[in-house]
Amino acid sequence: MQRSALDLGALLPIWIGFSLLVVPLVARTTPSNALLARKLLSVMGGVVVAVVLGLSLLLLGVWLRRYIIGQRQRDNDRIAQEIMSALRADPGAPVGEFYLYLRAFETTGRLRIPLYLRLRKLSIGLFQLVTSDLESYVGNALRSVVPLIAMGRPGEAIGAGRIVAEERDWEADVVVLMRRARGILLVPSNRPGTLWEIDALQRTSLLSKVVFIMPPRTRGVLDTRERWEAARQVLASHAVEAPEHEERGLLFETGSDGRVSNVEPLLLNSARQVRRSLKGLLSDAPPKGGLYRSIAVAHQRARRARRWGWVETARQLSVLPLAAGALLLEYPDIGFDPAESWATVWDRSLTADAMSSYGLSELQGRLSRGVVRLDDANLRAYLTAYGAMLARVDQTTCAAIARGETEPAAMEIALTYIPFRRVQSFLAAHYAAESAEASGAPVAPLDPDAAGRETEEFVASLAPEGRQHYDRIAQAGGATSDEDRCWLARVAFGRVATLAEPHASLWARVLASTIVARSDSTPRGAVP
């Protein structure tokens, strides 16, 4: 439990660090994402602070990751040494199962994994507790099942737990480990130590426990293809057959006659596949369909794994050029206000996301013509949502909407202030109005006397200060200030949500008729 918490403690700073570095890019994407990203950046103190903090957490996570990898290796070394100490005291001592890893010491830390796996470390690779060495991947794959142990110096590599042996004792130690190991993983070479190990395996009739590892192609100082050809010649002199080198690597075993009896692909991009391949080779069952079929299947699986491995690596790395391209984009105009609460920003983000697939920037003008054809339920839903939006926008925007002078881009921003819980009913009312207008549905009747009485009740319901405000607006005529115009629009639309039936529907019908009546004399269907 403690180790799992430590692993999480290392990966969490990396995840948070990456996330903070992405926030400035997210702020340049969709309005719904930009709202949240801009709010987070404003709370943190700006882009520079977010980037610096993200890099700091990323570096902390990388350091913790290295520490955990080292701690795991120290545990592996301790387990390996405990097994060896018990077997030195008594070769028949009860010890847990383990795999023995045999290789030439000069290859330690130098057998590279395929290029697509190394490139993947530029993206999510930091979340993996492995290095770029073949041994690390094999050891990590077996770690959840049984430990992998090897002769060597503790801390020299990540993977198999190391056992320190005296120069005069190492051969006896290796033979004991060979006899007790559940399986033996051997990387062939023409080095004297490896040749002695192959001889020992043949003398003790333990070759059936061996899985030969053909490393993937590594170029440079340690060219695995050249080394493999030299190893093949030496193996042949010991009557052990080995396939020609494959770029993708291979796992194989031999029979008692030294001839290849089964092969499996070396699929390092999946720990489960590595375990599956080892299990298939170390089982007593013959390969399904015979040796040649197993060779063909292994090559097919390896090609497929390599192809999809590159595809997955390209997918994971695609975020890098996308991020670089996003830096060239400008922030979308979302009407962001740093003073808005998280609750408001979150609600606006949800509303913007819900509306993202609809061209609603010209909504006001389109609905003003069809709103009088709506039924009572849709009309109340529309006006209630509209009133809630007017109550949340700033006074300047509110007044511009009331005058019908809002530009499409500004109107699109204003619509994000519709509470999210009212978005679906608002959209339904919008499309119902469009459909009613297009089909020429009849206009719902409105009794002039009832409308007059409802208007009088509206004025009478105002507080004394509100009635004075209303009288001042009525006397001013067209010279109404932004403050007065916004106040009237908010009070009028807000009343729909507070009235009981049938007054709510009747007042909504009065407002709708007023909008239509003024739509020909004022731009975009100004509201009262």
Protein backbone atom coordinates (compact mmCIF):
# COMPACT_ATOMS: atom_id res chain seq x y z
CA MET A 1 0.00 0.00 0.00
CA GLN A 2 2.81 2.37 0.90
CA ARG A 3 4.63 1.59 -2.36
CA SER A 4 1.47 2.21 -4.41
CA ALA A 5 1.05 5.58 -2.69
CA LEU A 6 4.69 6.40 -3.50
CA ASP A 7 4.17 5.44 -7.16
CA LEU A 8 1.11 7.66 -7.31
CA GLY A 9 3.03 10.43 -5.56
CA ALA A 10 5.59 10.37 -8.36
CA LEU A 11 3.15 10.22 -11.24
CA LEU A 12 0.74 12.83 -9.86
CA PRO A 13 3.18 15.79 -10.14
CA ILE A 14 3.99 14.72 -13.71
CA TRP A 15 0.30 14.57 -14.60
CA ILE A 16 -0.45 17.92 -12.94
CA GLY A 17 2.66 19.48 -14.46
CA PHE A 18 1.70 18.38 -17.97
CA SER A 19 -1.84 19.62 -17.37
CA LEU A 20 -0.66 23.07 -16.30
CA LEU A 21 1.56 23.34 -19.37
CA VAL A 22 -1.44 22.50 -21.54
CA VAL A 23 -3.75 25.08 -19.91
CA PRO A 24 -2.46 28.06 -22.01
CA LEU A 25 -3.07 25.95 -25.12
CA VAL A 26 -6.57 24.95 -24.01
CA ALA A 27 -7.35 28.61 -23.52
CA ARG A 28 -6.93 29.01 -27.30
CA THR A 29 -9.41 26.30 -28.28
CA THR A 30 -13.19 26.16 -27.95
CA PRO A 31 -15.11 28.80 -25.94
CA SER A 32 -16.24 26.21 -23.39
CA ASN A 33 -12.65 25.11 -22.73
CA ALA A 34 -11.29 28.63 -22.95
CA LEU A 35 -13.58 29.88 -20.19
CA LEU A 36 -12.28 27.35 -17.66
CA ALA A 37 -8.67 27.70 -18.79
CA ARG A 38 -8.75 31.50 -18.61
CA LYS A 39 -10.31 31.35 -15.14
CA LEU A 40 -7.62 28.96 -13.92
CA LEU A 41 -4.88 31.14 -15.38
CA SER A 42 -6.33 34.24 -13.75
CA VAL A 43 -6.51 32.52 -10.36
CA MET A 44 -2.92 31.29 -10.70
CA GLY A 45 -1.60 34.70 -11.65
CA GLY A 46 -1.17 34.37 -15.41
CA VAL A 47 0.39 32.22 -18.10
CA VAL A 48 3.97 32.66 -16.87
CA VAL A 49 3.13 31.47 -13.36
CA ALA A 50 1.22 28.45 -14.72
CA VAL A 51 4.10 27.46 -17.02
CA VAL A 52 6.75 27.87 -14.32
CA LEU A 53 4.69 25.88 -11.82
CA GLY A 54 3.96 23.21 -14.43
CA LEU A 55 7.65 22.82 -15.28
CA SER A 56 8.56 22.70 -11.59
CA LEU A 57 6.02 19.93 -10.90
CA LEU A 58 7.17 18.08 -14.00
CA LEU A 59 10.79 18.17 -12.84
CA LEU A 60 9.72 17.09 -9.36
CA GLY A 61 7.77 14.18 -10.84
CA VAL A 62 10.74 13.15 -13.00
CA TRP A 63 13.00 13.17 -9.94
CA LEU A 64 10.48 11.13 -7.93
CA ARG A 65 10.08 8.73 -10.85
CA ARG A 66 13.83 8.13 -10.94
CA TYR A 67 13.83 7.66 -7.19
CA ILE A 68 11.05 5.07 -7.38
CA ILE A 69 12.76 3.23 -10.23
CA GLY A 70 15.92 3.15 -8.12
CA GLN A 71 13.98 2.02 -5.06
CA ARG A 72 12.34 -0.77 -7.03
CA GLN A 73 15.73 -1.88 -8.25
CA ARG A 74 17.09 -1.88 -4.70
CA ASP A 75 14.17 -4.11 -3.72
CA ASN A 76 14.96 -6.40 -6.67
CA ASP A 77 18.62 -6.54 -5.61
CA ARG A 78 17.64 -7.35 -2.03
CA ILE A 79 15.30 -10.16 -3.10
CA ALA A 80 17.92 -11.61 -5.44
CA GLN A 81 20.58 -11.52 -2.72
CA GLU A 82 18.23 -13.16 -0.21
CA ILE A 83 17.52 -15.99 -2.67
CA MET A 84 21.21 -16.47 -3.35
CA SER A 85 22.13 -16.43 0.34
CA ALA A 86 19.53 -19.12 1.07
CA LEU A 87 20.72 -21.31 -1.80
CA ARG A 88 24.37 -20.91 -0.86
CA ALA A 89 23.55 -22.19 2.61
CA ASP A 90 21.41 -25.02 1.23
CA PRO A 91 20.91 -25.64 -2.52
CA GLY A 92 17.59 -27.29 -1.68
CA ALA A 93 16.33 -24.47 0.54
CA PRO A 94 12.73 -23.40 -0.05
CA VAL A 95 12.78 -20.14 -2.00
CA GLY A 96 10.18 -18.43 -4.13
CA GLU A 97 10.09 -18.91 -7.88
CA PHE A 98 12.31 -16.69 -10.01
CA TYR A 99 13.66 -16.25 -13.53
CA LEU A 100 17.40 -16.19 -14.16
CA TYR A 101 18.75 -13.63 -16.62
CA LEU A 102 22.05 -14.49 -18.35
CA ARG A 103 23.90 -12.09 -20.64
CA ALA A 104 27.37 -10.79 -21.38
CA PHE A 105 28.25 -8.11 -18.83
CA GLU A 106 29.27 -5.68 -21.57
CA THR A 107 25.68 -5.55 -22.85
CA THR A 108 24.34 -4.29 -19.52
CA GLY A 109 22.24 -1.20 -20.13
CA ARG A 110 23.10 -1.19 -23.84
CA LEU A 111 20.40 -3.34 -25.43
CA ARG A 112 17.96 -0.73 -26.64
CA ILE A 113 14.22 -1.07 -27.09
CA PRO A 114 12.70 -0.29 -30.53
CA LEU A 115 12.78 3.32 -31.69
CA TYR A 116 9.02 3.83 -31.52
CA LEU A 117 9.06 2.95 -27.82
CA ARG A 118 11.95 5.32 -27.16
CA LEU A 119 10.16 8.15 -28.98
CA ARG A 120 7.03 7.46 -26.97
CA LYS A 121 8.89 8.58 -23.86
CA LEU A 122 8.62 12.14 -25.16
CA SER A 123 4.90 12.02 -24.38
CA ILE A 124 3.53 9.59 -21.80
CA GLY A 125 6.84 7.81 -21.33
CA LEU A 126 7.47 9.77 -18.16
CA PHE A 127 4.53 7.95 -16.59
CA GLN A 128 6.24 4.57 -17.11
CA LEU A 129 8.58 3.19 -14.47
CA VAL A 130 11.01 1.73 -17.00
CA THR A 131 14.13 2.86 -18.83
CA SER A 132 15.01 2.52 -22.52
CA ASP A 133 16.88 -0.76 -21.98
CA LEU A 134 15.62 -4.21 -22.98
CA GLU A 135 16.31 -5.66 -19.54
CA SER A 136 14.16 -2.99 -17.88
CA TYR A 137 11.16 -3.89 -20.01
CA VAL A 138 11.54 -7.63 -19.48
CA GLY A 139 12.07 -7.20 -15.75
CA ASN A 140 9.05 -4.91 -15.48
CA ALA A 141 6.89 -7.43 -17.36
CA LEU A 142 7.87 -10.25 -14.98
CA ARG A 143 7.82 -8.16 -11.82
CA SER A 144 4.14 -8.79 -11.14
CA VAL A 145 4.65 -12.56 -11.44
CA VAL A 146 8.11 -13.58 -10.25
CA PRO A 147 11.41 -11.72 -9.74
CA LEU A 148 14.10 -11.65 -12.40
CA ILE A 149 17.63 -12.08 -11.02
CA ALA A 150 21.12 -11.93 -12.52
CA MET A 151 24.77 -11.89 -11.55
CA GLY A 152 26.40 -8.47 -11.36
CA ARG A 153 26.78 -5.33 -9.29
CA PRO A 154 23.77 -3.79 -7.52
CA GLY A 155 22.66 -0.55 -9.14
CA GLU A 156 24.44 -1.14 -12.45
CA ALA A 157 21.15 -1.40 -14.37
CA ILE A 158 17.38 -1.37 -13.99
CA GLY A 159 15.66 -4.71 -14.38
CA ALA A 160 16.93 -7.94 -12.88
CA GLY A 161 17.92 -7.99 -9.22
CA ARG A 162 21.71 -8.26 -8.97
CA ILE A 163 23.68 -10.89 -7.05
CA VAL A 164 27.23 -10.15 -5.99
CA ALA A 165 29.51 -13.17 -6.22
CA GLU A 166 33.18 -13.73 -5.59
CA GLU A 167 35.27 -14.44 -8.68
CA ARG A 168 35.97 -18.00 -7.49
CA ASP A 169 32.35 -18.73 -6.59
CA TRP A 170 30.29 -17.32 -9.45
CA GLU A 171 30.25 -20.50 -11.52
CA ALA A 172 28.89 -22.57 -8.62
CA ASP A 173 26.34 -19.89 -7.86
CA VAL A 174 25.14 -19.80 -11.48
CA VAL A 175 24.71 -23.58 -11.62
CA VAL A 176 22.62 -23.55 -8.44
CA LEU A 177 20.48 -20.73 -9.82
CA MET A 178 20.07 -22.58 -13.12
CA ARG A 179 18.76 -25.66 -11.34
CA ARG A 180 16.28 -23.75 -9.17
CA ALA A 181 15.06 -21.17 -11.69
CA ARG A 182 11.55 -21.43 -13.08
CA GLY A 183 12.97 -20.29 -16.41
CA ILE A 184 16.25 -18.99 -17.81
CA LEU A 185 16.42 -16.00 -20.13
CA LEU A 186 19.66 -16.01 -22.13
CA VAL A 187 21.02 -13.38 -24.49
CA PRO A 188 23.57 -15.35 -26.58
CA SER A 189 27.00 -13.92 -27.29
CA ASN A 190 30.50 -15.14 -28.12
CA ARG A 191 31.92 -13.94 -24.80
CA PRO A 192 33.71 -16.55 -22.64
CA GLY A 193 31.31 -16.18 -19.71
CA THR A 194 28.26 -16.78 -21.89
CA LEU A 195 29.93 -19.76 -23.58
CA TRP A 196 30.63 -21.30 -20.19
CA GLU A 197 26.97 -20.79 -19.21
CA ILE A 198 25.81 -22.55 -22.40
CA ASP A 199 28.17 -25.45 -21.66
CA ALA A 200 26.85 -25.63 -18.11
CA LEU A 201 23.27 -25.73 -19.37
CA GLN A 202 24.11 -28.57 -21.71
CA ARG A 203 26.02 -30.52 -19.03
CA THR A 204 23.16 -30.23 -16.57
CA SER A 205 20.49 -30.95 -19.22
CA LEU A 206 18.75 -27.67 -18.44
CA LEU A 207 18.59 -26.35 -21.99
CA SER A 208 14.83 -27.02 -22.02
CA LYS A 209 14.39 -24.28 -19.40
CA VAL A 210 16.11 -21.69 -21.57
CA VAL A 211 14.37 -18.94 -23.54
CA PHE A 212 16.87 -17.37 -25.91
CA ILE A 213 16.44 -13.62 -26.38
CA MET A 214 17.30 -12.12 -29.75
CA PRO A 215 17.59 -8.37 -29.00
CA PRO A 216 16.04 -5.85 -31.40
CA ARG A 217 18.42 -4.12 -33.77
CA THR A 218 20.74 -1.67 -32.06
CA ARG A 219 23.30 0.22 -34.13
CA GLY A 220 26.43 2.05 -33.15
CA VAL A 221 29.15 0.77 -30.83
CA LEU A 222 27.00 -2.23 -29.88
CA ASP A 223 25.61 -3.51 -33.17
CA THR A 224 23.27 -6.32 -32.15
CA ARG A 225 23.15 -7.79 -35.66
CA GLU A 226 26.92 -8.21 -35.84
CA ARG A 227 27.03 -9.61 -32.32
CA TRP A 228 24.18 -11.99 -33.13
CA GLU A 229 25.96 -13.41 -36.16
CA ALA A 230 29.06 -14.01 -34.04
CA ALA A 231 26.89 -15.63 -31.36
CA ARG A 232 25.20 -17.87 -33.96
CA GLN A 233 28.55 -19.25 -35.05
CA VAL A 234 29.54 -20.01 -31.47
CA LEU A 235 26.17 -21.62 -30.74
CA ALA A 236 26.51 -23.76 -33.85
CA SER A 237 29.86 -25.01 -32.58
CA HIS A 238 27.98 -26.11 -29.44
CA ALA A 239 25.33 -27.85 -31.55
CA VAL A 240 22.73 -25.18 -30.70
CA GLU A 241 20.71 -23.71 -33.56
CA ALA A 242 19.76 -20.02 -33.69
CA PRO A 243 17.67 -18.14 -36.31
CA GLU A 244 19.06 -15.30 -38.34
CA HIS A 245 18.74 -11.87 -36.76
CA GLU A 246 15.38 -10.12 -36.96
CA GLU A 247 15.10 -6.33 -36.75
CA ARG A 248 12.23 -6.63 -34.25
CA GLY A 249 13.94 -9.24 -32.09
CA LEU A 250 12.64 -12.69 -31.22
CA LEU A 251 12.21 -15.22 -28.41
CA PHE A 252 12.88 -18.89 -29.10
CA GLU A 253 13.68 -22.18 -27.42
CA THR A 254 15.52 -25.32 -28.50
CA GLY A 255 14.89 -29.00 -27.96
CA SER A 256 17.24 -31.52 -26.43
CA ASP A 257 18.86 -31.87 -29.87
CA GLY A 258 19.75 -28.19 -29.91
CA ARG A 259 17.41 -27.36 -32.80
CA VAL A 260 14.85 -24.53 -32.57
CA SER A 261 11.58 -26.02 -31.35
CA ASN A 262 9.38 -22.96 -30.83
CA VAL A 263 9.45 -19.18 -31.35
CA GLU A 264 7.50 -16.23 -30.00
CA PRO A 265 7.61 -12.52 -30.90
CA LEU A 266 9.36 -10.06 -28.60
CA LEU A 267 6.52 -7.59 -28.04
CA LEU A 268 8.00 -5.11 -25.60
CA ASN A 269 5.16 -2.59 -25.96
CA SER A 270 2.99 -4.89 -23.85
CA ALA A 271 4.05 -6.44 -20.55
CA ARG A 272 1.19 -8.91 -20.86
CA GLN A 273 2.44 -10.03 -24.29
CA VAL A 274 5.95 -10.57 -22.92
CA ARG A 275 4.56 -12.80 -20.17
CA ARG A 276 2.37 -14.61 -22.69
CA SER A 277 5.34 -15.32 -24.96
CA LEU A 278 7.49 -16.65 -22.09
CA LYS A 279 4.63 -18.80 -20.84
CA GLY A 280 4.13 -20.28 -24.30
CA LEU A 281 7.81 -21.11 -24.69
CA LEU A 282 8.28 -22.61 -21.23
CA SER A 283 5.19 -24.80 -21.41
CA ASP A 284 5.61 -28.43 -22.39
CA ALA A 285 3.00 -28.15 -25.13
CA PRO A 286 4.34 -28.20 -28.70
CA PRO A 287 3.66 -25.16 -30.88
CA LYS A 288 0.22 -25.17 -32.46
CA GLY A 289 0.46 -26.07 -36.12
CA GLY A 290 4.13 -26.96 -35.87
CA LEU A 291 7.34 -24.97 -35.83
CA TYR A 292 7.01 -23.31 -39.21
CA ARG A 293 3.53 -22.09 -38.43
CA SER A 294 4.73 -20.70 -35.11
CA ILE A 295 7.51 -18.86 -36.95
CA ALA A 296 5.05 -17.39 -39.43
CA VAL A 297 2.63 -16.39 -36.65
CA ALA A 298 5.46 -14.84 -34.62
CA HIS A 299 6.60 -12.74 -37.58
CA GLN A 300 3.02 -11.70 -38.32
CA ARG A 301 2.39 -10.65 -34.72
CA ALA A 302 5.69 -8.81 -34.58
CA ARG A 303 4.96 -6.89 -37.79
CA ARG A 304 1.49 -6.01 -36.58
CA ALA A 305 2.80 -4.91 -33.18
CA ARG A 306 5.46 -2.76 -34.81
CA ARG A 307 2.98 -1.19 -37.21
CA TRP A 308 0.44 -0.39 -34.51
CA GLY A 309 3.26 0.62 -32.17
CA TRP A 310 4.30 3.33 -34.61
CA VAL A 311 0.68 4.37 -35.07
CA GLU A 312 0.22 4.67 -31.31
CA THR A 313 3.49 6.57 -30.95
CA ALA A 314 2.44 8.96 -33.73
CA ARG A 315 -0.90 9.47 -31.98
CA GLN A 316 0.75 10.23 -28.66
CA LEU A 317 3.33 12.56 -30.22
CA SER A 318 0.74 14.33 -32.36
CA VAL A 319 -0.08 16.51 -29.37
CA LEU A 320 3.35 18.18 -29.69
CA PRO A 321 2.88 19.74 -33.17
CA LEU A 322 -0.74 20.49 -32.28
CA ALA A 323 0.44 22.28 -29.16
CA ALA A 324 3.02 24.22 -31.16
CA GLY A 325 0.35 25.19 -33.67
CA ALA A 326 -2.05 26.18 -30.91
CA LEU A 327 0.47 28.73 -29.66
CA LEU A 328 -0.04 30.62 -32.91
CA LEU A 329 -3.79 30.89 -32.35
CA GLU A 330 -5.40 33.85 -30.65
CA TYR A 331 -7.59 33.52 -27.61
CA PRO A 332 -11.25 33.16 -28.62
CA ASP A 333 -13.46 36.10 -27.71
CA ILE A 334 -15.51 34.65 -24.87
CA GLY A 335 -16.24 37.77 -22.83
CA PHE A 336 -14.13 36.47 -19.96
CA ASP A 337 -14.35 38.40 -16.70
CA PRO A 338 -11.79 37.44 -14.02
CA ALA A 339 -14.19 38.64 -11.33
CA GLU A 340 -16.76 35.99 -12.22
CA SER A 341 -17.01 33.13 -9.73
CA TRP A 342 -15.99 29.58 -10.53
CA ALA A 343 -19.67 28.58 -10.40
CA THR A 344 -20.56 31.13 -13.07
CA VAL A 345 -17.59 30.24 -15.27
CA TRP A 346 -18.35 26.52 -14.97
CA ASP A 347 -22.02 27.07 -15.82
CA ARG A 348 -21.10 29.26 -18.80
CA SER A 349 -18.68 26.60 -19.98
CA LEU A 350 -21.39 23.94 -19.93
CA THR A 351 -23.79 26.25 -21.74
CA ALA A 352 -21.21 27.14 -24.39
CA ASP A 353 -20.48 23.46 -24.95
CA ALA A 354 -24.18 22.66 -25.32
CA MET A 355 -24.57 25.45 -27.87
CA SER A 356 -21.31 24.82 -29.74
CA SER A 357 -22.93 22.85 -32.54
CA TYR A 358 -25.63 25.46 -33.19
CA GLY A 359 -25.30 28.74 -35.07
CA LEU A 360 -27.06 30.83 -32.45
CA SER A 361 -25.24 34.14 -32.89
CA GLU A 362 -28.26 35.55 -34.78
CA LEU A 363 -30.78 33.93 -32.48
CA GLN A 364 -32.41 37.13 -31.29
CA GLY A 365 -33.42 38.34 -34.73
CA ARG A 366 -34.72 34.94 -35.89
CA LEU A 367 -36.79 34.23 -32.76
CA SER A 368 -38.39 37.68 -32.70
CA ARG A 369 -40.46 36.72 -35.73
CA GLY A 370 -41.55 33.25 -34.64
CA VAL A 371 -41.87 33.68 -30.91
CA VAL A 372 -45.54 34.70 -31.05
CA ARG A 373 -46.36 31.36 -32.72
CA LEU A 374 -45.03 29.30 -29.82
CA ASP A 375 -47.24 27.44 -27.38
CA ASP A 376 -47.32 28.63 -23.79
CA ALA A 377 -44.79 26.10 -22.46
CA ASN A 378 -42.12 26.86 -25.08
CA LEU A 379 -42.74 30.59 -24.85
CA ARG A 380 -42.27 30.60 -21.08
CA ALA A 381 -39.12 28.48 -21.41
CA TYR A 382 -37.63 30.87 -23.95
CA LEU A 383 -38.42 34.06 -22.07
CA THR A 384 -37.40 32.63 -18.69
CA ALA A 385 -34.00 31.60 -20.09
CA TYR A 386 -33.64 34.95 -21.83
CA GLY A 387 -34.48 36.79 -18.63
CA ALA A 388 -31.92 34.76 -16.69
CA MET A 389 -29.33 35.65 -19.32
CA LEU A 390 -30.15 39.38 -19.05
CA ALA A 391 -29.81 39.19 -15.27
CA ARG A 392 -26.29 37.77 -15.57
CA VAL A 393 -24.69 39.87 -18.32
CA ASP A 394 -23.17 43.27 -17.61
CA GLN A 395 -25.26 46.40 -17.89
CA THR A 396 -23.76 47.56 -21.18
CA THR A 397 -24.48 44.25 -22.87
CA CYS A 398 -27.93 44.11 -21.32
CA ALA A 399 -28.79 47.55 -22.67
CA ALA A 400 -27.43 46.73 -26.13
CA ILE A 401 -29.60 43.60 -26.24
CA ALA A 402 -32.63 45.60 -25.11
CA ARG A 403 -32.00 48.14 -27.90
CA GLY A 404 -31.47 45.36 -30.45
CA GLU A 405 -28.00 46.65 -31.27
CA THR A 406 -25.98 43.59 -30.30
CA GLU A 407 -23.50 42.29 -32.88
CA PRO A 408 -23.64 38.54 -33.65
CA ALA A 409 -20.32 37.82 -31.90
CA ALA A 410 -21.40 39.73 -28.78
CA MET A 411 -24.79 37.99 -28.83
CA GLU A 412 -23.08 34.61 -29.01
CA ILE A 413 -21.10 35.51 -25.88
CA ALA A 414 -24.22 36.78 -24.12
CA LEU A 415 -26.06 33.51 -24.77
CA THR A 416 -23.44 31.63 -22.72
CA TYR A 417 -24.93 33.35 -19.67
CA ILE A 418 -28.13 31.34 -20.03
CA PRO A 419 -28.09 28.95 -17.04
CA PHE A 420 -27.13 25.47 -18.14
CA ARG A 421 -30.22 23.94 -16.56
CA ARG A 422 -32.33 25.99 -18.99
CA VAL A 423 -30.30 25.39 -22.15
CA GLN A 424 -32.17 22.38 -23.50
CA SER A 425 -35.60 23.95 -23.04
CA PHE A 426 -34.23 27.17 -24.56
CA LEU A 427 -32.92 25.34 -27.63
CA ALA A 428 -36.20 23.46 -27.97
CA ALA A 429 -38.09 26.77 -27.92
CA HIS A 430 -35.69 28.22 -30.48
CA TYR A 431 -36.24 25.42 -32.99
CA ALA A 432 -39.97 25.34 -32.28
CA ALA A 433 -40.13 29.05 -33.15
CA GLU A 434 -38.15 28.54 -36.35
CA SER A 435 -40.36 25.63 -37.35
CA ALA A 436 -43.54 27.57 -36.55
CA GLU A 437 -42.34 30.56 -38.56
CA ALA A 438 -41.33 28.42 -41.55
CA SER A 439 -44.60 26.48 -41.59
CA GLY A 440 -46.74 29.57 -41.08
CA ALA A 441 -48.29 28.31 -37.86
CA PRO A 442 -51.04 30.57 -36.55
CA VAL A 443 -50.19 33.31 -34.09
CA ALA A 444 -51.52 32.54 -30.63
CA PRO A 445 -54.38 34.95 -29.86
CA LEU A 446 -53.93 37.61 -27.21
CA ASP A 447 -56.90 39.38 -25.61
CA PRO A 448 -56.07 43.13 -25.65
CA ASP A 449 -58.09 43.75 -22.50
CA ALA A 450 -56.35 40.91 -20.64
CA ALA A 451 -52.99 42.17 -21.91
CA GLY A 452 -53.76 45.68 -20.65
CA ARG A 453 -54.77 44.42 -17.24
CA GLU A 454 -51.59 42.27 -17.03
CA THR A 455 -49.47 45.30 -17.90
CA GLU A 456 -51.20 47.35 -15.24
CA GLU A 457 -50.61 44.57 -12.72
CA PHE A 458 -46.93 44.53 -13.75
CA VAL A 459 -46.61 48.25 -12.99
CA ALA A 460 -48.61 47.89 -9.78
CA SER A 461 -46.37 45.02 -8.62
CA LEU A 462 -43.32 47.27 -8.69
CA ALA A 463 -42.04 48.77 -5.47
CA PRO A 464 -42.46 52.56 -5.11
CA GLU A 465 -38.91 53.14 -6.29
CA GLY A 466 -39.51 50.78 -9.22
CA ARG A 467 -42.69 52.60 -10.23
CA GLN A 468 -40.83 55.89 -10.20
CA HIS A 469 -38.15 54.28 -12.34
CA TYR A 470 -40.78 52.97 -14.75
CA ASP A 471 -42.54 56.38 -14.98
CA ARG A 472 -39.24 58.09 -15.71
CA ILE A 473 -38.55 55.63 -18.54
CA ALA A 474 -42.05 56.13 -19.97
CA GLN A 475 -41.65 59.91 -19.94
CA ALA A 476 -38.15 59.77 -21.48
CA GLY A 477 -39.41 57.96 -24.59
CA GLY A 478 -36.51 57.16 -26.93
CA ALA A 479 -33.93 58.96 -24.77
CA THR A 480 -33.74 56.13 -22.26
CA SER A 481 -30.34 55.58 -20.63
CA ASP A 482 -28.54 52.26 -20.68
CA GLU A 483 -29.18 51.83 -16.99
CA ASP A 484 -32.92 52.39 -17.34
CA ARG A 485 -33.30 50.27 -20.45
CA CYS A 486 -31.42 47.36 -18.88
CA TRP A 487 -33.40 47.66 -15.67
CA LEU A 488 -36.71 47.48 -17.49
CA ALA A 489 -35.68 44.51 -19.62
CA ARG A 490 -34.46 42.57 -16.59
CA VAL A 491 -37.59 43.30 -14.57
CA ALA A 492 -39.95 42.51 -17.44
CA PHE A 493 -38.34 39.22 -18.49
CA GLY A 494 -37.56 38.18 -14.94
CA ARG A 495 -41.25 38.42 -14.04
CA VAL A 496 -42.11 35.40 -16.24
CA ALA A 497 -40.31 33.04 -13.86
CA THR A 498 -41.96 34.47 -10.74
CA LEU A 499 -45.61 34.48 -11.79
CA ALA A 500 -48.03 31.59 -11.33
CA GLU A 501 -50.28 30.32 -14.10
CA PRO A 502 -52.17 31.62 -15.99
CA HIS A 503 -50.48 34.98 -15.36
CA ALA A 504 -47.00 33.70 -16.36
CA SER A 505 -48.22 32.61 -19.81
CA LEU A 506 -50.27 35.77 -20.30
CA TRP A 507 -47.33 38.03 -19.36
CA ALA A 508 -45.03 36.00 -21.63
CA ARG A 509 -47.53 36.50 -24.46
CA VAL A 510 -47.56 40.27 -23.78
CA LEU A 511 -43.76 40.39 -23.99
CA ALA A 512 -43.71 38.31 -27.19
CA SER A 513 -46.26 40.58 -28.85
CA THR A 514 -44.24 43.63 -27.83
CA ILE A 515 -41.08 42.15 -29.35
CA VAL A 516 -42.80 41.46 -32.66
CA ALA A 517 -44.50 44.85 -32.71
CA ARG A 518 -41.16 46.62 -32.31
CA SER A 519 -39.14 44.35 -34.60
CA ASP A 520 -40.02 46.42 -37.67
CA SER A 521 -39.15 49.75 -36.07
CA THR A 522 -35.99 48.79 -34.17
CA PRO A 523 -33.05 46.64 -35.28
CA ARG A 524 -32.91 42.94 -34.50
CA GLY A 525 -36.16 42.92 -32.54
CA ALA A 526 -35.30 45.00 -29.49
CA VAL A 527 -36.86 43.97 -26.21
CA PRO A 528 -39.02 46.34 -24.11
